[in-house]
Amino acid sequence: MPIFYDTHAHLDYPDFAKELPQVISRSAAAGIAKIITIGTDLDSSRRALEIAGQFPNVFAAVGWHPSEAAGAPEDWRPGLRDLARHPKVVALGETGLDYHHLPSGKPGFTAADDEQYKQKQIRLFRQHLEVAAEFGLNCIIHQRASLEDTLAQLQPFARQVRGVFHCFADDAATMWRVLELGSLVSFTGILTFKNGQNVRNTLAATPLGRFMLETDCPYLAPVPYRGQRCEPAHVKEISEVAAQTKGCSTEELSAATCAAAEEFFQKLTPN
């Protein structure tokens, strides 16, 4: 059975609290050899580290999600450094920029509030990049309705820090802009959706070795589980559609995506 990794899961979410050992067991049975669980703020990152400590095949990324930026300290770097020292931390994130829901969409807020919100996200993203450069780690990047600003912030760090643009759903031209910075993209269960042809088109244009697979669970369960809770075992269904889209075997896809993950998340493999 081909082996795959789930490079982006949220195992600390309440959705998994009652049966986490079973979820991990099902993933192993489906050939998902390693899982990276992702922090979204301080408490979430701490929980991710606790989970990674419990399961040998689970690793962690620590960070503060841009949509939660309002609750982040002005200087997150000291706390992030403390978390990043953990031996099972393989990347920083989830970080990046998200301008999809701006304050002005709510009563009483203005464009000035939007700008303040964006600047807080930018400062937080830059702090992740700075600490990543210090620690020799890469970043898991969330980008929504913020492409130009996200690329502009990453570009000065491109020689030191690579990013993986997770849950990638943009077009091939955008994919090439990401790859030109030395970064990667990652695809989710959206690949399997009836209305996901645009994402399949982008995957078809993405070279083997330059992308990874993920679930973003508990979200975005692939067909035939759409509408249910997603879990790491579902990378199997994602991989089958990805291989069909790329015109390769699942064995070839396994080799390419696992190698890409091991190169990007260098602490996934023993020294």
C-alpha atoms as a PDB file:
ATOM      1  CA  MET A   1       0.000   0.000   0.000  1.00  0.00           C
ATOM      2  CA  PRO A   2       1.449   3.429  -0.933  1.00  0.00           C
ATOM      3  CA  ILE A   3       2.464   5.619   2.000  1.00  0.00           C
ATOM      4  CA  PHE A   4       1.364   9.240   2.340  1.00  0.00           C
ATOM      5  CA  TYR A   5       1.648  12.042   4.887  1.00  0.00           C
ATOM      6  CA  ASP A   6      -1.034  14.390   6.143  1.00  0.00           C
ATOM      7  CA  THR A   7       0.963  17.615   6.218  1.00  0.00           C
ATOM      8  CA  HIS A   8      -1.813  19.764   7.712  1.00  0.00           C
ATOM      9  CA  ALA A   9      -4.249  18.565  10.365  1.00  0.00           C
ATOM     10  CA  HIS A  10      -5.849  20.180  13.404  1.00  0.00           C
ATOM     11  CA  LEU A  11      -5.856  17.274  15.816  1.00  0.00           C
ATOM     12  CA  ASP A  12      -6.156  19.556  18.832  1.00  0.00           C
ATOM     13  CA  TYR A  13      -9.654  20.654  17.815  1.00  0.00           C
ATOM     14  CA  PRO A  14     -12.578  19.454  19.967  1.00  0.00           C
ATOM     15  CA  ASP A  15     -13.827  17.380  17.009  1.00  0.00           C
ATOM     16  CA  PHE A  16     -11.194  14.739  17.834  1.00  0.00           C
ATOM     17  CA  ALA A  17     -11.056  14.955  21.627  1.00  0.00           C
ATOM     18  CA  LYS A  18     -13.119  11.845  22.340  1.00  0.00           C
ATOM     19  CA  GLU A  19     -11.374   9.437  19.967  1.00  0.00           C
ATOM     20  CA  LEU A  20      -7.936  10.710  19.059  1.00  0.00           C
ATOM     21  CA  PRO A  21      -6.188   7.311  19.450  1.00  0.00           C
ATOM     22  CA  GLN A  22      -8.754   5.763  17.100  1.00  0.00           C
ATOM     23  CA  VAL A  23      -8.268   8.566  14.570  1.00  0.00           C
ATOM     24  CA  ILE A  24      -4.513   7.990  14.624  1.00  0.00           C
ATOM     25  CA  SER A  25      -5.028   4.237  14.283  1.00  0.00           C
ATOM     26  CA  ARG A  26      -7.342   4.651  11.280  1.00  0.00           C
ATOM     27  CA  SER A  27      -4.818   6.901   9.588  1.00  0.00           C
ATOM     28  CA  ALA A  28      -2.071   4.302   9.985  1.00  0.00           C
ATOM     29  CA  ALA A  29      -4.357   1.600   8.599  1.00  0.00           C
ATOM     30  CA  ALA A  30      -4.987   3.800   5.533  1.00  0.00           C
ATOM     31  CA  GLY A  31      -1.244   4.173   4.900  1.00  0.00           C
ATOM     32  CA  ILE A  32      -0.878   7.676   6.330  1.00  0.00           C
ATOM     33  CA  ALA A  33       2.519   7.265   7.950  1.00  0.00           C
ATOM     34  CA  LYS A  34       3.031  10.729   9.421  1.00  0.00           C
ATOM     35  CA  ILE A  35       0.778  13.612  10.447  1.00  0.00           C
ATOM     36  CA  ILE A  36       1.594  17.240  11.200  1.00  0.00           C
ATOM     37  CA  THR A  37      -0.852  18.868  13.596  1.00  0.00           C
ATOM     38  CA  ILE A  38      -1.010  22.643  13.320  1.00  0.00           C
ATOM     39  CA  GLY A  39      -1.268  25.312  16.014  1.00  0.00           C
ATOM     40  CA  THR A  40      -3.479  28.358  15.514  1.00  0.00           C
ATOM     41  CA  ASP A  41      -2.653  30.352  18.659  1.00  0.00           C
ATOM     42  CA  LEU A  42      -0.672  29.882  21.879  1.00  0.00           C
ATOM     43  CA  ASP A  43      -3.038  27.406  23.521  1.00  0.00           C
ATOM     44  CA  SER A  44      -3.598  25.494  20.288  1.00  0.00           C
ATOM     45  CA  SER A  45       0.146  25.269  19.676  1.00  0.00           C
ATOM     46  CA  ARG A  46       0.680  23.911  23.176  1.00  0.00           C
ATOM     47  CA  ARG A  47      -2.005  21.293  22.586  1.00  0.00           C
ATOM     48  CA  ALA A  48      -0.372  20.367  19.280  1.00  0.00           C
ATOM     49  CA  LEU A  49       2.901  19.739  21.109  1.00  0.00           C
ATOM     50  CA  GLU A  50       1.134  17.598  23.705  1.00  0.00           C
ATOM     51  CA  ILE A  51      -0.417  15.466  20.958  1.00  0.00           C
ATOM     52  CA  ALA A  52       2.892  15.155  19.126  1.00  0.00           C
ATOM     53  CA  GLY A  53       4.437  13.954  22.381  1.00  0.00           C
ATOM     54  CA  GLN A  54       1.826  11.210  22.712  1.00  0.00           C
ATOM     55  CA  PHE A  55       2.100   9.683  19.235  1.00  0.00           C
ATOM     56  CA  PRO A  56       5.430   8.833  17.542  1.00  0.00           C
ATOM     57  CA  ASN A  57       4.087   9.488  14.030  1.00  0.00           C
ATOM     58  CA  VAL A  58       2.587  12.903  14.862  1.00  0.00           C
ATOM     59  CA  PHE A  59       4.628  16.113  14.580  1.00  0.00           C
ATOM     60  CA  ALA A  60       3.696  19.721  15.255  1.00  0.00           C
ATOM     61  CA  ALA A  61       3.778  23.171  13.749  1.00  0.00           C
ATOM     62  CA  VAL A  62       3.386  26.101  16.127  1.00  0.00           C
ATOM     63  CA  GLY A  63       2.035  29.502  15.253  1.00  0.00           C
ATOM     64  CA  TRP A  64      -0.754  32.058  15.399  1.00  0.00           C
ATOM     65  CA  HIS A  65      -3.393  32.063  12.671  1.00  0.00           C
ATOM     66  CA  PRO A  66      -3.944  35.448  10.957  1.00  0.00           C
ATOM     67  CA  SER A  67      -7.686  35.312  11.588  1.00  0.00           C
ATOM     68  CA  GLU A  68      -6.879  35.234  15.321  1.00  0.00           C
ATOM     69  CA  ALA A  69      -4.423  38.130  15.091  1.00  0.00           C
ATOM     70  CA  ALA A  70      -6.523  40.446  17.256  1.00  0.00           C
ATOM     71  CA  GLY A  71      -5.767  38.233  20.255  1.00  0.00           C
ATOM     72  CA  ALA A  72      -2.030  37.937  19.588  1.00  0.00           C
ATOM     73  CA  PRO A  73       0.537  39.852  21.645  1.00  0.00           C
ATOM     74  CA  GLU A  74       2.260  42.755  19.946  1.00  0.00           C
ATOM     75  CA  ASP A  75       5.501  40.789  20.065  1.00  0.00           C
ATOM     76  CA  TRP A  76       4.824  37.087  19.649  1.00  0.00           C
ATOM     77  CA  ARG A  77       8.453  36.202  18.991  1.00  0.00           C
ATOM     78  CA  PRO A  78       9.511  35.296  22.582  1.00  0.00           C
ATOM     79  CA  GLY A  79       6.621  32.875  22.988  1.00  0.00           C
ATOM     80  CA  LEU A  80       7.121  31.471  19.526  1.00  0.00           C
ATOM     81  CA  ARG A  81      10.808  30.861  20.196  1.00  0.00           C
ATOM     82  CA  ASP A  82       9.973  28.912  23.338  1.00  0.00           C
ATOM     83  CA  LEU A  83       7.588  26.669  21.386  1.00  0.00           C
ATOM     84  CA  ALA A  84       9.921  26.279  18.406  1.00  0.00           C
ATOM     85  CA  ARG A  85      12.612  24.684  20.579  1.00  0.00           C
ATOM     86  CA  HIS A  86      10.517  21.551  21.036  1.00  0.00           C
ATOM     87  CA  PRO A  87      12.176  18.623  19.198  1.00  0.00           C
ATOM     88  CA  LYS A  88       8.966  17.647  17.380  1.00  0.00           C
ATOM     89  CA  VAL A  89       8.279  21.108  15.950  1.00  0.00           C
ATOM     90  CA  VAL A  90       8.861  20.770  12.211  1.00  0.00           C
ATOM     91  CA  ALA A  91       7.626  24.214  11.044  1.00  0.00           C
ATOM     92  CA  LEU A  92       6.082  27.479  12.165  1.00  0.00           C
ATOM     93  CA  GLY A  93       2.465  28.258  11.411  1.00  0.00           C
ATOM     94  CA  GLU A  94      -0.232  28.374  10.565  1.00  0.00           C
ATOM     95  CA  THR A  95       0.652  31.952   9.691  1.00  0.00           C
ATOM     96  CA  GLY A  96       0.038  34.346   6.817  1.00  0.00           C
ATOM     97  CA  LEU A  97      -2.667  36.838   5.892  1.00  0.00           C
ATOM     98  CA  ASP A  98      -6.454  36.593   5.607  1.00  0.00           C
ATOM     99  CA  TYR A  99      -8.422  39.589   4.350  1.00  0.00           C
ATOM    100  CA  HIS A 100     -11.615  37.676   3.569  1.00  0.00           C
ATOM    101  CA  HIS A 101     -13.553  38.832   6.635  1.00  0.00           C
ATOM    102  CA  LEU A 102     -12.629  42.432   7.432  1.00  0.00           C
ATOM    103  CA  PRO A 103     -13.944  44.478  10.369  1.00  0.00           C
ATOM    104  CA  SER A 104     -15.853  46.863   8.064  1.00  0.00           C
ATOM    105  CA  GLY A 105     -18.207  44.009   7.276  1.00  0.00           C
ATOM    106  CA  LYS A 106     -19.689  44.484  10.738  1.00  0.00           C
ATOM    107  CA  PRO A 107     -21.725  47.482  11.954  1.00  0.00           C
ATOM    108  CA  GLY A 108     -19.700  50.287  13.482  1.00  0.00           C
ATOM    109  CA  PHE A 109     -16.409  49.494  11.756  1.00  0.00           C
ATOM    110  CA  THR A 110     -14.735  51.465   8.983  1.00  0.00           C
ATOM    111  CA  ALA A 111     -11.994  51.158   6.378  1.00  0.00           C
ATOM    112  CA  ALA A 112      -9.589  52.516   8.981  1.00  0.00           C
ATOM    113  CA  ASP A 113     -10.338  49.495  11.151  1.00  0.00           C
ATOM    114  CA  ASP A 114      -9.640  47.261   8.154  1.00  0.00           C
ATOM    115  CA  GLU A 115      -6.212  48.812   7.696  1.00  0.00           C
ATOM    116  CA  GLN A 116      -5.366  48.421  11.370  1.00  0.00           C
ATOM    117  CA  TYR A 117      -6.445  44.776  11.215  1.00  0.00           C
ATOM    118  CA  LYS A 118      -4.329  44.123   8.125  1.00  0.00           C
ATOM    119  CA  GLN A 119      -1.267  45.750   9.672  1.00  0.00           C
ATOM    120  CA  LYS A 120      -1.586  43.609  12.807  1.00  0.00           C
ATOM    121  CA  GLN A 121      -1.679  40.496  10.620  1.00  0.00           C
ATOM    122  CA  ILE A 122       1.343  41.672   8.637  1.00  0.00           C
ATOM    123  CA  ARG A 123       3.366  42.293  11.815  1.00  0.00           C
ATOM    124  CA  LEU A 124       2.404  38.867  13.143  1.00  0.00           C
ATOM    125  CA  PHE A 125       3.315  37.147   9.860  1.00  0.00           C
ATOM    126  CA  ARG A 126       6.672  38.926   9.756  1.00  0.00           C
ATOM    127  CA  GLN A 127       7.444  37.775  13.297  1.00  0.00           C
ATOM    128  CA  HIS A 128       6.868  34.157  12.254  1.00  0.00           C
ATOM    129  CA  LEU A 129       9.215  34.632   9.309  1.00  0.00           C
ATOM    130  CA  GLU A 130      11.891  36.197  11.502  1.00  0.00           C
ATOM    131  CA  VAL A 131      11.793  33.359  14.035  1.00  0.00           C
ATOM    132  CA  ALA A 132      11.692  30.763  11.252  1.00  0.00           C
ATOM    133  CA  ALA A 133      14.899  32.253   9.835  1.00  0.00           C
ATOM    134  CA  GLU A 134      16.523  32.129  13.272  1.00  0.00           C
ATOM    135  CA  PHE A 135      15.624  28.472  13.833  1.00  0.00           C
ATOM    136  CA  GLY A 136      16.162  27.168  10.313  1.00  0.00           C
ATOM    137  CA  LEU A 137      12.499  26.234   9.976  1.00  0.00           C
ATOM    138  CA  ASN A 138       9.965  26.800   7.217  1.00  0.00           C
ATOM    139  CA  CYS A 139       6.467  28.253   7.466  1.00  0.00           C
ATOM    140  CA  ILE A 140       2.978  26.920   6.810  1.00  0.00           C
ATOM    141  CA  ILE A 141       1.191  29.788   5.107  1.00  0.00           C
ATOM    142  CA  HIS A 142      -2.488  30.648   5.085  1.00  0.00           C
ATOM    143  CA  GLN A 143      -3.404  33.053   2.295  1.00  0.00           C
ATOM    144  CA  ARG A 144      -6.933  34.231   1.612  1.00  0.00           C
ATOM    145  CA  ALA A 145      -7.837  37.352  -0.374  1.00  0.00           C
ATOM    146  CA  SER A 146      -4.328  38.630   0.386  1.00  0.00           C
ATOM    147  CA  LEU A 147      -2.025  37.236  -2.289  1.00  0.00           C
ATOM    148  CA  GLU A 148       0.011  40.334  -3.128  1.00  0.00           C
ATOM    149  CA  ASP A 149       0.673  41.278   0.497  1.00  0.00           C
ATOM    150  CA  THR A 150       1.502  37.671   1.393  1.00  0.00           C
ATOM    151  CA  LEU A 151       4.051  37.336  -1.392  1.00  0.00           C
ATOM    152  CA  ALA A 152       5.478  40.771  -0.600  1.00  0.00           C
ATOM    153  CA  GLN A 153       6.106  39.768   3.019  1.00  0.00           C
ATOM    154  CA  LEU A 154       7.626  36.401   2.098  1.00  0.00           C
ATOM    155  CA  GLN A 155       9.895  37.650  -0.668  1.00  0.00           C
ATOM    156  CA  PRO A 156      12.598  39.278   1.545  1.00  0.00           C
ATOM    157  CA  PHE A 157      12.927  36.016   3.481  1.00  0.00           C
ATOM    158  CA  ALA A 158      12.875  33.708   0.444  1.00  0.00           C
ATOM    159  CA  ARG A 159      16.569  32.788   0.703  1.00  0.00           C
ATOM    160  CA  GLN A 160      16.164  31.752   4.344  1.00  0.00           C
ATOM    161  CA  VAL A 161      12.579  30.549   4.730  1.00  0.00           C
ATOM    162  CA  ARG A 162      10.379  28.525   2.438  1.00  0.00           C
ATOM    163  CA  GLY A 163       6.623  28.489   2.719  1.00  0.00           C
ATOM    164  CA  VAL A 164       3.993  25.943   1.874  1.00  0.00           C
ATOM    165  CA  PHE A 165       0.803  27.636   0.759  1.00  0.00           C
ATOM    166  CA  HIS A 166      -1.631  25.235   2.316  1.00  0.00           C
ATOM    167  CA  CYS A 167      -5.143  24.411   1.090  1.00  0.00           C
ATOM    168  CA  PHE A 168      -4.105  25.801  -2.281  1.00  0.00           C
ATOM    169  CA  ALA A 169      -7.042  26.741  -4.484  1.00  0.00           C
ATOM    170  CA  ASP A 170      -5.622  29.430  -6.765  1.00  0.00           C
ATOM    171  CA  ASP A 171      -4.840  29.194 -10.465  1.00  0.00           C
ATOM    172  CA  ALA A 172      -1.707  27.874 -12.147  1.00  0.00           C
ATOM    173  CA  ALA A 173      -0.262  31.355 -12.688  1.00  0.00           C
ATOM    174  CA  THR A 174      -0.395  31.970  -8.928  1.00  0.00           C
ATOM    175  CA  MET A 175       1.113  28.556  -8.265  1.00  0.00           C
ATOM    176  CA  TRP A 176       4.100  29.436 -10.433  1.00  0.00           C
ATOM    177  CA  ARG A 177       4.603  32.694  -8.520  1.00  0.00           C
ATOM    178  CA  VAL A 178       4.762  30.696  -5.295  1.00  0.00           C
ATOM    179  CA  LEU A 179       7.169  28.143  -6.753  1.00  0.00           C
ATOM    180  CA  GLU A 180       9.425  30.884  -8.114  1.00  0.00           C
ATOM    181  CA  LEU A 181      10.059  31.959  -4.502  1.00  0.00           C
ATOM    182  CA  GLY A 182      11.244  28.441  -3.712  1.00  0.00           C
ATOM    183  CA  SER A 183       8.027  27.666  -1.850  1.00  0.00           C
ATOM    184  CA  LEU A 184       5.513  24.853  -2.293  1.00  0.00           C
ATOM    185  CA  VAL A 185       1.764  24.390  -2.510  1.00  0.00           C
ATOM    186  CA  SER A 186      -0.430  21.795  -0.830  1.00  0.00           C
ATOM    187  CA  PHE A 187      -3.759  20.324  -1.894  1.00  0.00           C
ATOM    188  CA  THR A 188      -6.755  19.153   0.145  1.00  0.00           C
ATOM    189  CA  GLY A 189      -9.980  17.246  -0.368  1.00  0.00           C
ATOM    190  CA  ILE A 190     -11.217  20.079  -2.575  1.00  0.00           C
ATOM    191  CA  LEU A 191      -9.483  18.111  -5.345  1.00  0.00           C
ATOM    192  CA  THR A 192     -12.283  15.560  -5.126  1.00  0.00           C
ATOM    193  CA  PHE A 193     -15.209  17.998  -5.163  1.00  0.00           C
ATOM    194  CA  LYS A 194     -17.502  18.169  -8.174  1.00  0.00           C
ATOM    195  CA  ASN A 195     -16.893  21.927  -8.310  1.00  0.00           C
ATOM    196  CA  GLY A 196     -13.126  21.515  -7.776  1.00  0.00           C
ATOM    197  CA  GLN A 197     -12.102  21.371 -11.448  1.00  0.00           C
ATOM    198  CA  ASN A 198     -10.171  24.640 -11.124  1.00  0.00           C
ATOM    199  CA  VAL A 199      -8.067  23.114  -8.339  1.00  0.00           C
ATOM    200  CA  ARG A 200      -7.519  19.931 -10.348  1.00  0.00           C
ATOM    201  CA  ASN A 201      -6.360  22.100 -13.251  1.00  0.00           C
ATOM    202  CA  THR A 202      -3.817  23.775 -10.996  1.00  0.00           C
ATOM    203  CA  LEU A 203      -2.589  20.443  -9.657  1.00  0.00           C
ATOM    204  CA  ALA A 204      -2.220  19.131 -13.208  1.00  0.00           C
ATOM    205  CA  ALA A 205       0.148  22.042 -13.933  1.00  0.00           C
ATOM    206  CA  THR A 206       2.141  21.674 -10.695  1.00  0.00           C
ATOM    207  CA  PRO A 207       5.360  19.655 -11.072  1.00  0.00           C
ATOM    208  CA  LEU A 208       5.776  16.465  -9.067  1.00  0.00           C
ATOM    209  CA  GLY A 209       7.999  17.200  -6.113  1.00  0.00           C
ATOM    210  CA  ARG A 210       6.695  20.748  -5.710  1.00  0.00           C
ATOM    211  CA  PHE A 211       3.467  20.008  -3.871  1.00  0.00           C
ATOM    212  CA  MET A 212       2.221  18.065  -0.867  1.00  0.00           C
ATOM    213  CA  LEU A 213      -1.086  16.588   0.254  1.00  0.00           C
ATOM    214  CA  GLU A 214      -3.090  17.446   3.364  1.00  0.00           C
ATOM    215  CA  THR A 215      -6.560  17.203   4.855  1.00  0.00           C
ATOM    216  CA  ASP A 216      -6.902  20.466   6.841  1.00  0.00           C
ATOM    217  CA  CYS A 217      -9.079  18.239   9.008  1.00  0.00           C
ATOM    218  CA  PRO A 218     -11.624  18.447  10.524  1.00  0.00           C
ATOM    219  CA  TYR A 219     -12.544  20.545   7.460  1.00  0.00           C
ATOM    220  CA  LEU A 220     -12.907  19.723   3.749  1.00  0.00           C
ATOM    221  CA  ALA A 221     -13.593  15.995   3.881  1.00  0.00           C
ATOM    222  CA  PRO A 222     -13.099  14.510   0.401  1.00  0.00           C
ATOM    223  CA  VAL A 223     -15.696  12.627  -1.589  1.00  0.00           C
ATOM    224  CA  PRO A 224     -17.226  10.213  -0.523  1.00  0.00           C
ATOM    225  CA  TYR A 225     -17.091  11.741   2.978  1.00  0.00           C
ATOM    226  CA  ARG A 226     -18.017  15.278   2.006  1.00  0.00           C
ATOM    227  CA  GLY A 227     -20.164  16.934   4.656  1.00  0.00           C
ATOM    228  CA  GLN A 228     -18.728  14.713   7.395  1.00  0.00           C
ATOM    229  CA  ARG A 229     -15.808  15.339   9.721  1.00  0.00           C
ATOM    230  CA  CYS A 230     -12.524  14.972   7.883  1.00  0.00           C
ATOM    231  CA  GLU A 231      -9.603  13.062   9.407  1.00  0.00           C
ATOM    232  CA  PRO A 232      -6.031  12.167   8.369  1.00  0.00           C
ATOM    233  CA  ALA A 233      -7.021   8.759   6.956  1.00  0.00           C
ATOM    234  CA  HIS A 234      -8.813  10.631   4.166  1.00  0.00           C
ATOM    235  CA  VAL A 235      -5.492  11.532   2.528  1.00  0.00           C
ATOM    236  CA  LYS A 236      -5.947   8.136   0.873  1.00  0.00           C
ATOM    237  CA  GLU A 237      -8.977   9.355  -1.093  1.00  0.00           C
ATOM    238  CA  ILE A 238      -7.256  12.660  -1.886  1.00  0.00           C
ATOM    239  CA  SER A 239      -4.191  10.825  -3.184  1.00  0.00           C
ATOM    240  CA  GLU A 240      -6.251   8.675  -5.530  1.00  0.00           C
ATOM    241  CA  VAL A 241      -7.773  11.714  -7.240  1.00  0.00           C
ATOM    242  CA  ALA A 242      -4.409  13.511  -7.219  1.00  0.00           C
ATOM    243  CA  ALA A 243      -2.716  10.570  -8.964  1.00  0.00           C
ATOM    244  CA  GLN A 244      -5.471  10.406 -11.557  1.00  0.00           C
ATOM    245  CA  THR A 245      -5.174  14.146 -12.139  1.00  0.00           C
ATOM    246  CA  LYS A 246      -1.392  13.933 -12.537  1.00  0.00           C
ATOM    247  CA  GLY A 247      -1.568  10.844 -14.731  1.00  0.00           C
ATOM    248  CA  CYS A 248       0.777   8.892 -12.481  1.00  0.00           C
ATOM    249  CA  SER A 249       0.518   5.902 -10.197  1.00  0.00           C
ATOM    250  CA  THR A 250      -0.205   6.276  -6.487  1.00  0.00           C
ATOM    251  CA  GLU A 251       3.258   4.798  -5.887  1.00  0.00           C
ATOM    252  CA  GLU A 252       4.867   7.585  -7.930  1.00  0.00           C
ATOM    253  CA  LEU A 253       2.755  10.173  -6.145  1.00  0.00           C
ATOM    254  CA  SER A 254       3.697   8.700  -2.781  1.00  0.00           C
ATOM    255  CA  ALA A 255       7.412   8.946  -3.561  1.00  0.00           C
ATOM    256  CA  ALA A 256       7.139  12.530  -4.828  1.00  0.00           C
ATOM    257  CA  THR A 257       4.917  13.962  -2.097  1.00  0.00           C
ATOM    258  CA  CYS A 258       6.704  12.243   0.774  1.00  0.00           C
ATOM    259  CA  ALA A 259      10.084  13.380  -0.551  1.00  0.00           C
ATOM    260  CA  ALA A 260       8.779  16.939  -0.868  1.00  0.00           C
ATOM    261  CA  ALA A 261       7.514  16.831   2.713  1.00  0.00           C
ATOM    262  CA  GLU A 262      10.761  15.401   4.065  1.00  0.00           C
ATOM    263  CA  GLU A 263      12.767  18.093   2.316  1.00  0.00           C
ATOM    264  CA  PHE A 264      10.470  20.874   3.512  1.00  0.00           C
ATOM    265  CA  PHE A 265       9.908  19.569   7.068  1.00  0.00           C
ATOM    266  CA  GLN A 266      13.450  18.356   7.655  1.00  0.00           C
ATOM    267  CA  LYS A 267      12.779  17.231  11.233  1.00  0.00           C
ATOM    268  CA  LEU A 268      10.260  14.665   9.953  1.00  0.00           C
ATOM    269  CA  THR A 269      13.139  12.269   9.399  1.00  0.00           C
ATOM    270  CA  PRO A 270      15.811  11.238  11.948  1.00  0.00           C
ATOM    271  CA  ASN A 271      19.266  12.733  11.575  1.00  0.00           C
END
